[in-house]
């Protein structure tokens, strides 16, 4: 197993991270000249709040992509978890019980995805795409077109509150960024995830329990979706069946823009944070420049294609030099 872990290339992560940071700085500088509103305190705090919400979803997904998988059910997971949590909070008046339900629902969906991929050997794209539709169907049936709204003030602070003039979701982002960084860089589990994504055959021969690790990363992705559902619920102060529809594409975009390879084995949680910031900056800039909101999905899709293309070209060059 040590041979597999030693084959990983941290320099690739560092170079990708540096290039993304430079892109964030360039975009921020350009927007500061293009709009007088960009460098206002209110706008900057809004950018960090939106980026933190996106990062919470994308952080768990990063682990899945590092293991050369994908989770297309993450947005649907957020929707069902939020709706169930909202129902429990309204029925019991207890945000704690709602939080337990959301985290349990998100994790359970993640475990099911992991079982489908690891034990039943379904391609992750097909397994999670099918789960997306299953979860959407359950959510729409459960909500029956209704909307749940009006949650306790204390719970709403989770998504819209401030602590020392900084949005509460930013603190959550920093907390889970630290936990994700420790997991990937300081634990044998995280290093094994890199090894599985880098070379699953070598990982298997090295004795890494691939099936258990895959179930673990999908479970963690589901857990983070459950957490994100609580923050979104608190932020919006409402829940409805289609709450997760627009969330999957930006989460995947943040991971890929941040330098995590779709082929697995390369990437960091810090890169995903930069990806979330970069994507949020671009969308914020479109709004500030009064560009039609209908162009936002187009721009997001274009950024994903460019990020994957750059990753693919870089990978081909590395293979050619090897």
C-alpha atoms as a PDB file:
ATOM      1  CA  UNK A   1       0.000   0.000   0.000  1.00  0.00           C
ATOM      2  CA  UNK A   2       2.890   2.410   0.714  1.00  0.00           C
ATOM      3  CA  UNK A   3       3.989   2.136  -2.913  1.00  0.00           C
ATOM      4  CA  UNK A   4       0.555   3.286  -4.049  1.00  0.00           C
ATOM      5  CA  UNK A   5       0.454   6.191  -1.601  1.00  0.00           C
ATOM      6  CA  UNK A   6       3.932   7.292  -2.578  1.00  0.00           C
ATOM      7  CA  UNK A   7       2.927   7.363  -6.249  1.00  0.00           C
ATOM      8  CA  UNK A   8       0.560  10.279  -5.631  1.00  0.00           C
ATOM      9  CA  UNK A   9       1.765  13.642  -6.915  1.00  0.00           C
ATOM     10  CA  UNK A  10       1.135  16.502  -4.460  1.00  0.00           C
ATOM     11  CA  UNK A  11       2.787  18.914  -6.864  1.00  0.00           C
ATOM     12  CA  UNK A  12      -0.142  18.535  -9.226  1.00  0.00           C
ATOM     13  CA  UNK A  13      -2.512  19.645  -6.471  1.00  0.00           C
ATOM     14  CA  UNK A  14      -0.283  22.612  -5.582  1.00  0.00           C
ATOM     15  CA  UNK A  15       0.036  23.872  -9.166  1.00  0.00           C
ATOM     16  CA  UNK A  16      -3.693  23.576  -9.810  1.00  0.00           C
ATOM     17  CA  UNK A  17      -4.481  25.331  -6.538  1.00  0.00           C
ATOM     18  CA  UNK A  18      -2.143  28.214  -7.387  1.00  0.00           C
ATOM     19  CA  UNK A  19      -3.674  28.670 -10.831  1.00  0.00           C
ATOM     20  CA  UNK A  20      -7.202  28.795  -9.381  1.00  0.00           C
ATOM     21  CA  UNK A  21      -6.199  31.333  -6.737  1.00  0.00           C
ATOM     22  CA  UNK A  22      -4.728  33.493  -9.491  1.00  0.00           C
ATOM     23  CA  UNK A  23      -7.982  33.220 -11.454  1.00  0.00           C
ATOM     24  CA  UNK A  24     -10.000  34.344  -8.411  1.00  0.00           C
ATOM     25  CA  UNK A  25      -7.726  37.354  -7.943  1.00  0.00           C
ATOM     26  CA  UNK A  26      -7.906  38.325 -11.617  1.00  0.00           C
ATOM     27  CA  UNK A  27     -11.703  38.035 -11.733  1.00  0.00           C
ATOM     28  CA  UNK A  28     -12.040  39.982  -8.490  1.00  0.00           C
ATOM     29  CA  UNK A  29      -9.773  42.735  -9.817  1.00  0.00           C
ATOM     30  CA  UNK A  30     -11.699  42.911 -13.103  1.00  0.00           C
ATOM     31  CA  UNK A  31     -15.043  43.151 -11.305  1.00  0.00           C
ATOM     32  CA  UNK A  32     -13.748  45.870  -9.013  1.00  0.00           C
ATOM     33  CA  UNK A  33     -13.141  48.016 -12.119  1.00  0.00           C
ATOM     34  CA  UNK A  34     -16.368  46.957 -13.843  1.00  0.00           C
ATOM     35  CA  UNK A  35     -18.719  47.676 -10.930  1.00  0.00           C
ATOM     36  CA  UNK A  36     -18.639  50.149  -8.051  1.00  0.00           C
ATOM     37  CA  UNK A  37     -20.787  47.768  -6.006  1.00  0.00           C
ATOM     38  CA  UNK A  38     -18.375  44.835  -6.078  1.00  0.00           C
ATOM     39  CA  UNK A  39     -16.042  45.959  -3.284  1.00  0.00           C
ATOM     40  CA  UNK A  40     -18.817  46.996  -0.905  1.00  0.00           C
ATOM     41  CA  UNK A  41     -19.029  45.140   2.402  1.00  0.00           C
ATOM     42  CA  UNK A  42     -22.551  43.887   1.710  1.00  0.00           C
ATOM     43  CA  UNK A  43     -21.587  42.378  -1.656  1.00  0.00           C
ATOM     44  CA  UNK A  44     -18.387  40.748  -0.388  1.00  0.00           C
ATOM     45  CA  UNK A  45     -20.214  39.182   2.557  1.00  0.00           C
ATOM     46  CA  UNK A  46     -22.892  37.936   0.163  1.00  0.00           C
ATOM     47  CA  UNK A  47     -20.201  36.344  -2.019  1.00  0.00           C
ATOM     48  CA  UNK A  48     -18.659  34.542   0.941  1.00  0.00           C
ATOM     49  CA  UNK A  49     -22.075  33.419   2.170  1.00  0.00           C
ATOM     50  CA  UNK A  50     -23.031  31.983  -1.209  1.00  0.00           C
ATOM     51  CA  UNK A  51     -19.623  30.363  -1.648  1.00  0.00           C
ATOM     52  CA  UNK A  52     -19.844  28.768   1.796  1.00  0.00           C
ATOM     53  CA  UNK A  53     -23.247  27.248   1.023  1.00  0.00           C
ATOM     54  CA  UNK A  54     -21.864  25.874  -2.224  1.00  0.00           C
ATOM     55  CA  UNK A  55     -18.743  24.536  -0.518  1.00  0.00           C
ATOM     56  CA  UNK A  56     -20.738  22.600   2.073  1.00  0.00           C
ATOM     57  CA  UNK A  57     -22.388  20.646  -0.746  1.00  0.00           C
ATOM     58  CA  UNK A  58     -19.237  20.312  -2.817  1.00  0.00           C
ATOM     59  CA  UNK A  59     -16.881  19.248  -0.005  1.00  0.00           C
ATOM     60  CA  UNK A  60     -18.410  15.793   0.347  1.00  0.00           C
ATOM     61  CA  UNK A  61     -18.701  15.473  -3.409  1.00  0.00           C
ATOM     62  CA  UNK A  62     -14.957  16.175  -3.646  1.00  0.00           C
ATOM     63  CA  UNK A  63     -14.211  12.914  -1.841  1.00  0.00           C
ATOM     64  CA  UNK A  64     -16.398  10.992  -4.287  1.00  0.00           C
ATOM     65  CA  UNK A  65     -14.655  12.545  -7.302  1.00  0.00           C
ATOM     66  CA  UNK A  66     -11.231  11.901  -5.749  1.00  0.00           C
ATOM     67  CA  UNK A  67     -12.210   8.219  -5.755  1.00  0.00           C
ATOM     68  CA  UNK A  68     -13.026   8.534  -9.495  1.00  0.00           C
ATOM     69  CA  UNK A  69     -16.790   8.585  -8.929  1.00  0.00           C
ATOM     70  CA  UNK A  70     -19.612  11.108  -9.230  1.00  0.00           C
ATOM     71  CA  UNK A  71     -22.748  11.865  -7.229  1.00  0.00           C
ATOM     72  CA  UNK A  72     -25.535  13.303  -9.355  1.00  0.00           C
ATOM     73  CA  UNK A  73     -28.101  12.839  -6.589  1.00  0.00           C
ATOM     74  CA  UNK A  74     -26.647  15.495  -4.309  1.00  0.00           C
ATOM     75  CA  UNK A  75     -29.174  18.208  -5.191  1.00  0.00           C
ATOM     76  CA  UNK A  76     -32.122  15.817  -4.822  1.00  0.00           C
ATOM     77  CA  UNK A  77     -30.618  14.660  -1.516  1.00  0.00           C
ATOM     78  CA  UNK A  78     -30.572  18.255  -0.259  1.00  0.00           C
ATOM     79  CA  UNK A  79     -34.208  18.698  -1.285  1.00  0.00           C
ATOM     80  CA  UNK A  80     -35.558  15.593   0.452  1.00  0.00           C
ATOM     81  CA  UNK A  81     -33.459  16.177   3.576  1.00  0.00           C
ATOM     82  CA  UNK A  82     -34.615  19.810   3.774  1.00  0.00           C
ATOM     83  CA  UNK A  83     -38.276  18.924   3.310  1.00  0.00           C
ATOM     84  CA  UNK A  84     -38.174  16.189   5.948  1.00  0.00           C
ATOM     85  CA  UNK A  85     -36.296  18.433   8.369  1.00  0.00           C
ATOM     86  CA  UNK A  86     -38.737  21.278   7.740  1.00  0.00           C
ATOM     87  CA  UNK A  87     -41.700  19.004   8.431  1.00  0.00           C
ATOM     88  CA  UNK A  88     -40.191  17.773  11.697  1.00  0.00           C
ATOM     89  CA  UNK A  89     -39.315  21.286  12.866  1.00  0.00           C
ATOM     90  CA  UNK A  90     -42.825  22.547  12.134  1.00  0.00           C
ATOM     91  CA  UNK A  91     -44.436  19.528  13.806  1.00  0.00           C
ATOM     92  CA  UNK A  92     -42.269  19.426  16.933  1.00  0.00           C
ATOM     93  CA  UNK A  93     -40.865  22.931  17.216  1.00  0.00           C
ATOM     94  CA  UNK A  94     -37.439  21.360  17.710  1.00  0.00           C
ATOM     95  CA  UNK A  95     -34.660  22.362  15.271  1.00  0.00           C
ATOM     96  CA  UNK A  96     -32.462  19.686  16.882  1.00  0.00           C
ATOM     97  CA  UNK A  97     -34.844  16.891  15.894  1.00  0.00           C
ATOM     98  CA  UNK A  98     -35.077  18.364  12.405  1.00  0.00           C
ATOM     99  CA  UNK A  99     -31.285  18.435  12.158  1.00  0.00           C
ATOM    100  CA  UNK A 100     -31.022  14.781  13.185  1.00  0.00           C
ATOM    101  CA  UNK A 101     -33.558  13.823  10.519  1.00  0.00           C
ATOM    102  CA  UNK A 102     -31.769  15.807   7.807  1.00  0.00           C
ATOM    103  CA  UNK A 103     -28.349  14.369   8.617  1.00  0.00           C
ATOM    104  CA  UNK A 104     -29.739  10.820   8.878  1.00  0.00           C
ATOM    105  CA  UNK A 105     -31.626  11.142   5.583  1.00  0.00           C
ATOM    106  CA  UNK A 106     -28.602  12.560   3.745  1.00  0.00           C
ATOM    107  CA  UNK A 107     -26.275   9.906   5.101  1.00  0.00           C
ATOM    108  CA  UNK A 108     -28.696   7.073   4.320  1.00  0.00           C
ATOM    109  CA  UNK A 109     -28.970   8.198   0.707  1.00  0.00           C
ATOM    110  CA  UNK A 110     -25.183   8.372   0.516  1.00  0.00           C
ATOM    111  CA  UNK A 111     -24.830   4.851   1.897  1.00  0.00           C
ATOM    112  CA  UNK A 112     -27.328   3.532  -0.663  1.00  0.00           C
ATOM    113  CA  UNK A 113     -25.318   5.192  -3.429  1.00  0.00           C
ATOM    114  CA  UNK A 114     -22.156   3.619  -2.045  1.00  0.00           C
ATOM    115  CA  UNK A 115     -23.728   0.167  -1.941  1.00  0.00           C
ATOM    116  CA  UNK A 116     -24.940   0.495  -5.525  1.00  0.00           C
ATOM    117  CA  UNK A 117     -21.490   1.541  -6.734  1.00  0.00           C
ATOM    118  CA  UNK A 118     -19.194  -0.535  -4.517  1.00  0.00           C
ATOM    119  CA  UNK A 119     -21.124  -3.730  -3.858  1.00  0.00           C
ATOM    120  CA  UNK A 120     -23.437  -3.981  -6.863  1.00  0.00           C
ATOM    121  CA  UNK A 121     -20.744  -2.539  -9.167  1.00  0.00           C
ATOM    122  CA  UNK A 122     -23.000  -0.095 -10.934  1.00  0.00           C
ATOM    123  CA  UNK A 123     -21.296   2.825 -12.702  1.00  0.00           C
ATOM    124  CA  UNK A 124     -21.499   5.817 -10.381  1.00  0.00           C
ATOM    125  CA  UNK A 125     -23.066   7.980 -13.090  1.00  0.00           C
ATOM    126  CA  UNK A 126     -25.933   5.527 -13.626  1.00  0.00           C
ATOM    127  CA  UNK A 127     -26.412   4.699  -9.935  1.00  0.00           C
ATOM    128  CA  UNK A 128     -26.578   8.286  -8.733  1.00  0.00           C
ATOM    129  CA  UNK A 129     -28.542   9.484 -11.763  1.00  0.00           C
ATOM    130  CA  UNK A 130     -31.173   6.852 -11.030  1.00  0.00           C
ATOM    131  CA  UNK A 131     -31.134   7.801  -7.344  1.00  0.00           C
ATOM    132  CA  UNK A 132     -31.648  11.434  -8.306  1.00  0.00           C
ATOM    133  CA  UNK A 133     -34.917  10.572 -10.020  1.00  0.00           C
ATOM    134  CA  UNK A 134     -36.015   8.239  -7.238  1.00  0.00           C
ATOM    135  CA  UNK A 135     -35.389  10.892  -4.589  1.00  0.00           C
ATOM    136  CA  UNK A 136     -37.070  13.596  -6.666  1.00  0.00           C
ATOM    137  CA  UNK A 137     -40.125  11.381  -7.007  1.00  0.00           C
ATOM    138  CA  UNK A 138     -40.249  10.734  -3.259  1.00  0.00           C
ATOM    139  CA  UNK A 139     -39.831  14.428  -2.485  1.00  0.00           C
ATOM    140  CA  UNK A 140     -42.565  15.553  -4.884  1.00  0.00           C
ATOM    141  CA  UNK A 141     -44.914  12.884  -3.570  1.00  0.00           C
ATOM    142  CA  UNK A 142     -44.188  13.793   0.047  1.00  0.00           C
ATOM    143  CA  UNK A 143     -44.633  17.529  -0.474  1.00  0.00           C
ATOM    144  CA  UNK A 144     -47.611  17.207  -2.862  1.00  0.00           C
ATOM    145  CA  UNK A 145     -46.996  20.698  -4.183  1.00  0.00           C
ATOM    146  CA  UNK A 146     -47.045  22.319  -0.736  1.00  0.00           C
ATOM    147  CA  UNK A 147     -44.501  24.656   0.843  1.00  0.00           C
ATOM    148  CA  UNK A 148     -43.273  24.533   4.435  1.00  0.00           C
ATOM    149  CA  UNK A 149     -42.206  27.902   5.830  1.00  0.00           C
ATOM    150  CA  UNK A 150     -41.815  29.947   8.991  1.00  0.00           C
ATOM    151  CA  UNK A 151     -39.113  28.383  11.167  1.00  0.00           C
ATOM    152  CA  UNK A 152     -37.839  29.504  14.605  1.00  0.00           C
ATOM    153  CA  UNK A 153     -35.612  32.567  14.642  1.00  0.00           C
ATOM    154  CA  UNK A 154     -32.748  30.713  16.315  1.00  0.00           C
ATOM    155  CA  UNK A 155     -32.708  28.055  13.600  1.00  0.00           C
ATOM    156  CA  UNK A 156     -32.742  30.671  10.848  1.00  0.00           C
ATOM    157  CA  UNK A 157     -29.493  32.121  12.191  1.00  0.00           C
ATOM    158  CA  UNK A 158     -27.772  28.999  10.839  1.00  0.00           C
ATOM    159  CA  UNK A 159     -28.290  30.250   7.297  1.00  0.00           C
ATOM    160  CA  UNK A 160     -28.868  33.991   7.560  1.00  0.00           C
ATOM    161  CA  UNK A 161     -27.311  35.029  10.870  1.00  0.00           C
ATOM    162  CA  UNK A 162     -24.046  36.818  11.632  1.00  0.00           C
ATOM    163  CA  UNK A 163     -21.367  36.335  14.278  1.00  0.00           C
ATOM    164  CA  UNK A 164     -18.938  39.238  14.716  1.00  0.00           C
ATOM    165  CA  UNK A 165     -20.242  40.693  11.426  1.00  0.00           C
ATOM    166  CA  UNK A 166     -19.362  37.477   9.534  1.00  0.00           C
ATOM    167  CA  UNK A 167     -22.126  35.227   8.126  1.00  0.00           C
ATOM    168  CA  UNK A 168     -22.589  32.058  10.182  1.00  0.00           C
ATOM    169  CA  UNK A 169     -22.277  29.764   7.089  1.00  0.00           C
ATOM    170  CA  UNK A 170     -18.728  31.069   6.613  1.00  0.00           C
ATOM    171  CA  UNK A 171     -17.755  29.660  10.016  1.00  0.00           C
ATOM    172  CA  UNK A 172     -19.323  26.332   9.061  1.00  0.00           C
ATOM    173  CA  UNK A 173     -17.373  26.390   5.806  1.00  0.00           C
ATOM    174  CA  UNK A 174     -14.080  26.985   7.613  1.00  0.00           C
ATOM    175  CA  UNK A 175     -14.845  24.265  10.159  1.00  0.00           C
ATOM    176  CA  UNK A 176     -15.605  21.612   7.569  1.00  0.00           C
ATOM    177  CA  UNK A 177     -12.783  22.797   5.324  1.00  0.00           C
ATOM    178  CA  UNK A 178     -10.431  22.036   8.199  1.00  0.00           C
ATOM    179  CA  UNK A 179     -12.037  18.655   8.858  1.00  0.00           C
ATOM    180  CA  UNK A 180     -11.934  17.711   5.164  1.00  0.00           C
ATOM    181  CA  UNK A 181      -8.283  18.792   4.906  1.00  0.00           C
ATOM    182  CA  UNK A 182      -7.381  16.705   7.939  1.00  0.00           C
ATOM    183  CA  UNK A 183      -9.269  13.716   6.552  1.00  0.00           C
ATOM    184  CA  UNK A 184      -7.617  13.819   3.130  1.00  0.00           C
ATOM    185  CA  UNK A 185      -4.084  14.669   4.200  1.00  0.00           C
ATOM    186  CA  UNK A 186      -3.653  13.328   7.728  1.00  0.00           C
ATOM    187  CA  UNK A 187      -5.596  10.070   7.854  1.00  0.00           C
ATOM    188  CA  UNK A 188      -4.946   6.738   6.207  1.00  0.00           C
ATOM    189  CA  UNK A 189      -8.557   6.715   5.018  1.00  0.00           C
ATOM    190  CA  UNK A 190      -8.049   9.914   3.038  1.00  0.00           C
ATOM    191  CA  UNK A 191      -4.793   8.705   1.524  1.00  0.00           C
ATOM    192  CA  UNK A 192      -6.488   5.479   0.517  1.00  0.00           C
ATOM    193  CA  UNK A 193      -9.185   7.484  -1.282  1.00  0.00           C
ATOM    194  CA  UNK A 194      -6.454   9.191  -3.334  1.00  0.00           C
ATOM    195  CA  UNK A 195      -4.899   5.810  -4.072  1.00  0.00           C
ATOM    196  CA  UNK A 196      -8.215   4.332  -5.223  1.00  0.00           C
ATOM    197  CA  UNK A 197      -8.824   7.241  -7.579  1.00  0.00           C
ATOM    198  CA  UNK A 198      -5.253   7.244  -8.859  1.00  0.00           C
ATOM    199  CA  UNK A 199      -4.967   3.523  -9.603  1.00  0.00           C
ATOM    200  CA  UNK A 200      -7.737   1.198  -8.358  1.00  0.00           C
ATOM    201  CA  UNK A 201      -5.949  -1.941  -9.552  1.00  0.00           C
ATOM    202  CA  UNK A 202      -2.772  -1.144  -7.616  1.00  0.00           C
ATOM    203  CA  UNK A 203      -4.885  -0.086  -4.645  1.00  0.00           C
ATOM    204  CA  UNK A 204      -6.641  -3.451  -4.640  1.00  0.00           C
ATOM    205  CA  UNK A 205      -3.381  -5.407  -4.820  1.00  0.00           C
ATOM    206  CA  UNK A 206      -2.003  -3.245  -2.004  1.00  0.00           C
ATOM    207  CA  UNK A 207      -4.756  -4.443   0.319  1.00  0.00           C
ATOM    208  CA  UNK A 208      -6.859  -1.289   0.434  1.00  0.00           C
ATOM    209  CA  UNK A 209     -10.513  -2.213   1.210  1.00  0.00           C
ATOM    210  CA  UNK A 210     -11.887  -0.459  -1.863  1.00  0.00           C
ATOM    211  CA  UNK A 211     -15.552  -1.333  -1.346  1.00  0.00           C
ATOM    212  CA  UNK A 212     -15.628  -0.064   2.224  1.00  0.00           C
ATOM    213  CA  UNK A 213     -13.819   3.135   1.287  1.00  0.00           C
ATOM    214  CA  UNK A 214     -16.236   3.811  -1.569  1.00  0.00           C
ATOM    215  CA  UNK A 215     -19.219   3.350   0.730  1.00  0.00           C
ATOM    216  CA  UNK A 216     -17.500   5.708   3.173  1.00  0.00           C
ATOM    217  CA  UNK A 217     -16.983   8.534   0.664  1.00  0.00           C
ATOM    218  CA  UNK A 218     -20.550   8.314  -0.642  1.00  0.00           C
ATOM    219  CA  UNK A 219     -21.838   8.294   2.941  1.00  0.00           C
ATOM    220  CA  UNK A 220     -19.780  11.411   3.718  1.00  0.00           C
ATOM    221  CA  UNK A 221     -21.082  13.081   0.566  1.00  0.00           C
ATOM    222  CA  UNK A 222     -24.618  12.309   1.714  1.00  0.00           C
ATOM    223  CA  UNK A 223     -23.873  13.574   5.225  1.00  0.00           C
ATOM    224  CA  UNK A 224     -22.636  16.904   3.845  1.00  0.00           C
ATOM    225  CA  UNK A 225     -25.729  17.138   1.636  1.00  0.00           C
ATOM    226  CA  UNK A 226     -27.818  16.703   4.774  1.00  0.00           C
ATOM    227  CA  UNK A 227     -25.874  19.472   6.515  1.00  0.00           C
ATOM    228  CA  UNK A 228     -26.176  21.743   3.483  1.00  0.00           C
ATOM    229  CA  UNK A 229     -29.941  21.126   3.449  1.00  0.00           C
ATOM    230  CA  UNK A 230     -30.196  22.581   6.963  1.00  0.00           C
ATOM    231  CA  UNK A 231     -28.245  25.692   5.983  1.00  0.00           C
ATOM    232  CA  UNK A 232     -30.342  26.184   2.838  1.00  0.00           C
ATOM    233  CA  UNK A 233     -33.519  25.622   4.828  1.00  0.00           C
ATOM    234  CA  UNK A 234     -32.484  28.195   7.405  1.00  0.00           C
ATOM    235  CA  UNK A 235     -31.403  30.621   4.706  1.00  0.00           C
ATOM    236  CA  UNK A 236     -34.599  30.405   2.645  1.00  0.00           C
ATOM    237  CA  UNK A 237     -36.954  29.950   5.621  1.00  0.00           C
ATOM    238  CA  UNK A 238     -38.979  27.598   3.446  1.00  0.00           C
ATOM    239  CA  UNK A 239     -38.889  24.166   1.822  1.00  0.00           C
ATOM    240  CA  UNK A 240     -40.553  22.855  -1.306  1.00  0.00           C
ATOM    241  CA  UNK A 241     -40.132  19.893  -3.605  1.00  0.00           C
ATOM    242  CA  UNK A 242     -37.905  21.550  -6.202  1.00  0.00           C
ATOM    243  CA  UNK A 243     -35.506  23.221  -3.769  1.00  0.00           C
ATOM    244  CA  UNK A 244     -32.602  21.027  -4.916  1.00  0.00           C
ATOM    245  CA  UNK A 245     -33.134  21.285  -8.676  1.00  0.00           C
ATOM    246  CA  UNK A 246     -30.601  24.087  -9.320  1.00  0.00           C
ATOM    247  CA  UNK A 247     -27.961  22.854  -6.854  1.00  0.00           C
ATOM    248  CA  UNK A 248     -26.317  19.824  -8.481  1.00  0.00           C
ATOM    249  CA  UNK A 249     -24.618  21.548 -11.412  1.00  0.00           C
ATOM    250  CA  UNK A 250     -22.955  24.316  -9.327  1.00  0.00           C
ATOM    251  CA  UNK A 251     -21.690  21.746  -6.780  1.00  0.00           C
ATOM    252  CA  UNK A 252     -20.077  19.639  -9.516  1.00  0.00           C
ATOM    253  CA  UNK A 253     -18.721  22.812 -11.120  1.00  0.00           C
ATOM    254  CA  UNK A 254     -17.085  23.933  -7.867  1.00  0.00           C
ATOM    255  CA  UNK A 255     -15.310  20.584  -7.503  1.00  0.00           C
ATOM    256  CA  UNK A 256     -14.018  20.494 -11.080  1.00  0.00           C
ATOM    257  CA  UNK A 257     -13.122  24.189 -11.260  1.00  0.00           C
ATOM    258  CA  UNK A 258     -11.189  23.713  -8.038  1.00  0.00           C
ATOM    259  CA  UNK A 259      -8.831  21.305  -9.766  1.00  0.00           C
ATOM    260  CA  UNK A 260     -10.171  17.944  -8.637  1.00  0.00           C
ATOM    261  CA  UNK A 261      -9.685  15.567 -11.539  1.00  0.00           C
ATOM    262  CA  UNK A 262     -12.761  13.832 -12.892  1.00  0.00           C
ATOM    263  CA  UNK A 263     -10.465  10.853 -13.450  1.00  0.00           C
ATOM    264  CA  UNK A 264      -9.768  10.645  -9.707  1.00  0.00           C
ATOM    265  CA  UNK A 265      -6.695  10.829  -7.508  1.00  0.00           C
ATOM    266  CA  UNK A 266      -5.949  14.560  -7.827  1.00  0.00           C
ATOM    267  CA  UNK A 267      -7.522  17.433  -5.912  1.00  0.00           C
ATOM    268  CA  UNK A 268      -7.969  18.967  -2.464  1.00  0.00           C
ATOM    269  CA  UNK A 269     -10.769  20.433  -0.331  1.00  0.00           C
ATOM    270  CA  UNK A 270      -8.912  23.766  -0.496  1.00  0.00           C
ATOM    271  CA  UNK A 271      -9.176  23.598  -4.278  1.00  0.00           C
ATOM    272  CA  UNK A 272     -12.919  23.041  -4.004  1.00  0.00           C
ATOM    273  CA  UNK A 273     -13.195  26.142  -1.807  1.00  0.00           C
ATOM    274  CA  UNK A 274     -11.395  28.164  -4.467  1.00  0.00           C
ATOM    275  CA  UNK A 275     -13.667  26.628  -7.101  1.00  0.00           C
ATOM    276  CA  UNK A 276     -16.732  27.662  -5.112  1.00  0.00           C
ATOM    277  CA  UNK A 277     -15.370  31.192  -4.750  1.00  0.00           C
ATOM    278  CA  UNK A 278     -14.486  31.422  -8.441  1.00  0.00           C
ATOM    279  CA  UNK A 279     -17.909  30.246  -9.592  1.00  0.00           C
ATOM    280  CA  UNK A 280     -19.656  32.532  -7.091  1.00  0.00           C
ATOM    281  CA  UNK A 281     -17.570  35.479  -8.284  1.00  0.00           C
ATOM    282  CA  UNK A 282     -18.502  34.835 -11.915  1.00  0.00           C
ATOM    283  CA  UNK A 283     -22.229  34.571 -11.154  1.00  0.00           C
ATOM    284  CA  UNK A 284     -22.056  37.600  -8.873  1.00  0.00           C
ATOM    285  CA  UNK A 285     -20.349  39.532 -11.655  1.00  0.00           C
ATOM    286  CA  UNK A 286     -23.090  38.611 -14.110  1.00  0.00           C
ATOM    287  CA  UNK A 287     -25.661  39.971 -11.679  1.00  0.00           C
ATOM    288  CA  UNK A 288     -23.725  43.166 -11.011  1.00  0.00           C
ATOM    289  CA  UNK A 289     -23.319  43.787 -14.741  1.00  0.00           C
ATOM    290  CA  UNK A 290     -27.075  43.236 -15.274  1.00  0.00           C
ATOM    291  CA  UNK A 291     -26.542  40.298 -17.616  1.00  0.00           C
ATOM    292  CA  UNK A 292     -29.674  38.205 -18.156  1.00  0.00           C
ATOM    293  CA  UNK A 293     -29.923  35.510 -15.471  1.00  0.00           C
ATOM    294  CA  UNK A 294     -30.842  32.986 -18.179  1.00  0.00           C
ATOM    295  CA  UNK A 295     -27.169  33.060 -19.221  1.00  0.00           C
ATOM    296  CA  UNK A 296     -25.990  31.773 -15.835  1.00  0.00           C
ATOM    297  CA  UNK A 297     -26.549  28.048 -16.605  1.00  0.00           C
ATOM    298  CA  UNK A 298     -24.784  28.572 -19.944  1.00  0.00           C
ATOM    299  CA  UNK A 299     -21.783  30.179 -18.252  1.00  0.00           C
ATOM    300  CA  UNK A 300     -21.665  27.473 -15.568  1.00  0.00           C
ATOM    301  CA  UNK A 301     -21.729  24.734 -18.195  1.00  0.00           C
ATOM    302  CA  UNK A 302     -19.013  26.456 -20.213  1.00  0.00           C
ATOM    303  CA  UNK A 303     -16.782  26.724 -17.135  1.00  0.00           C
ATOM    304  CA  UNK A 304     -17.244  23.014 -16.413  1.00  0.00           C
ATOM    305  CA  UNK A 305     -16.325  22.060 -19.990  1.00  0.00           C
ATOM    306  CA  UNK A 306     -13.219  24.269 -19.874  1.00  0.00           C
ATOM    307  CA  UNK A 307     -12.153  22.851 -16.490  1.00  0.00           C
ATOM    308  CA  UNK A 308     -12.568  19.245 -17.645  1.00  0.00           C
ATOM    309  CA  UNK A 309     -10.822  20.005 -20.952  1.00  0.00           C
ATOM    310  CA  UNK A 310      -7.848  21.536 -19.154  1.00  0.00           C
ATOM    311  CA  UNK A 311      -7.708  18.542 -16.823  1.00  0.00           C
ATOM    312  CA  UNK A 312      -7.875  16.107 -19.742  1.00  0.00           C
ATOM    313  CA  UNK A 313      -5.127  17.889 -21.716  1.00  0.00           C
ATOM    314  CA  UNK A 314      -2.929  18.080 -18.607  1.00  0.00           C
ATOM    315  CA  UNK A 315      -3.437  14.388 -17.942  1.00  0.00           C
ATOM    316  CA  UNK A 316      -2.545  13.455 -21.539  1.00  0.00           C
ATOM    317  CA  UNK A 317       0.651  15.520 -21.365  1.00  0.00           C
ATOM    318  CA  UNK A 318       1.669  13.850 -18.103  1.00  0.00           C
ATOM    319  CA  UNK A 319       1.058  10.412 -19.579  1.00  0.00           C
ATOM    320  CA  UNK A 320       3.086  11.345 -22.651  1.00  0.00           C
ATOM    321  CA  UNK A 321       6.030  12.436 -20.472  1.00  0.00           C
ATOM    322  CA  UNK A 322       5.825   9.282 -18.326  1.00  0.00           C
END
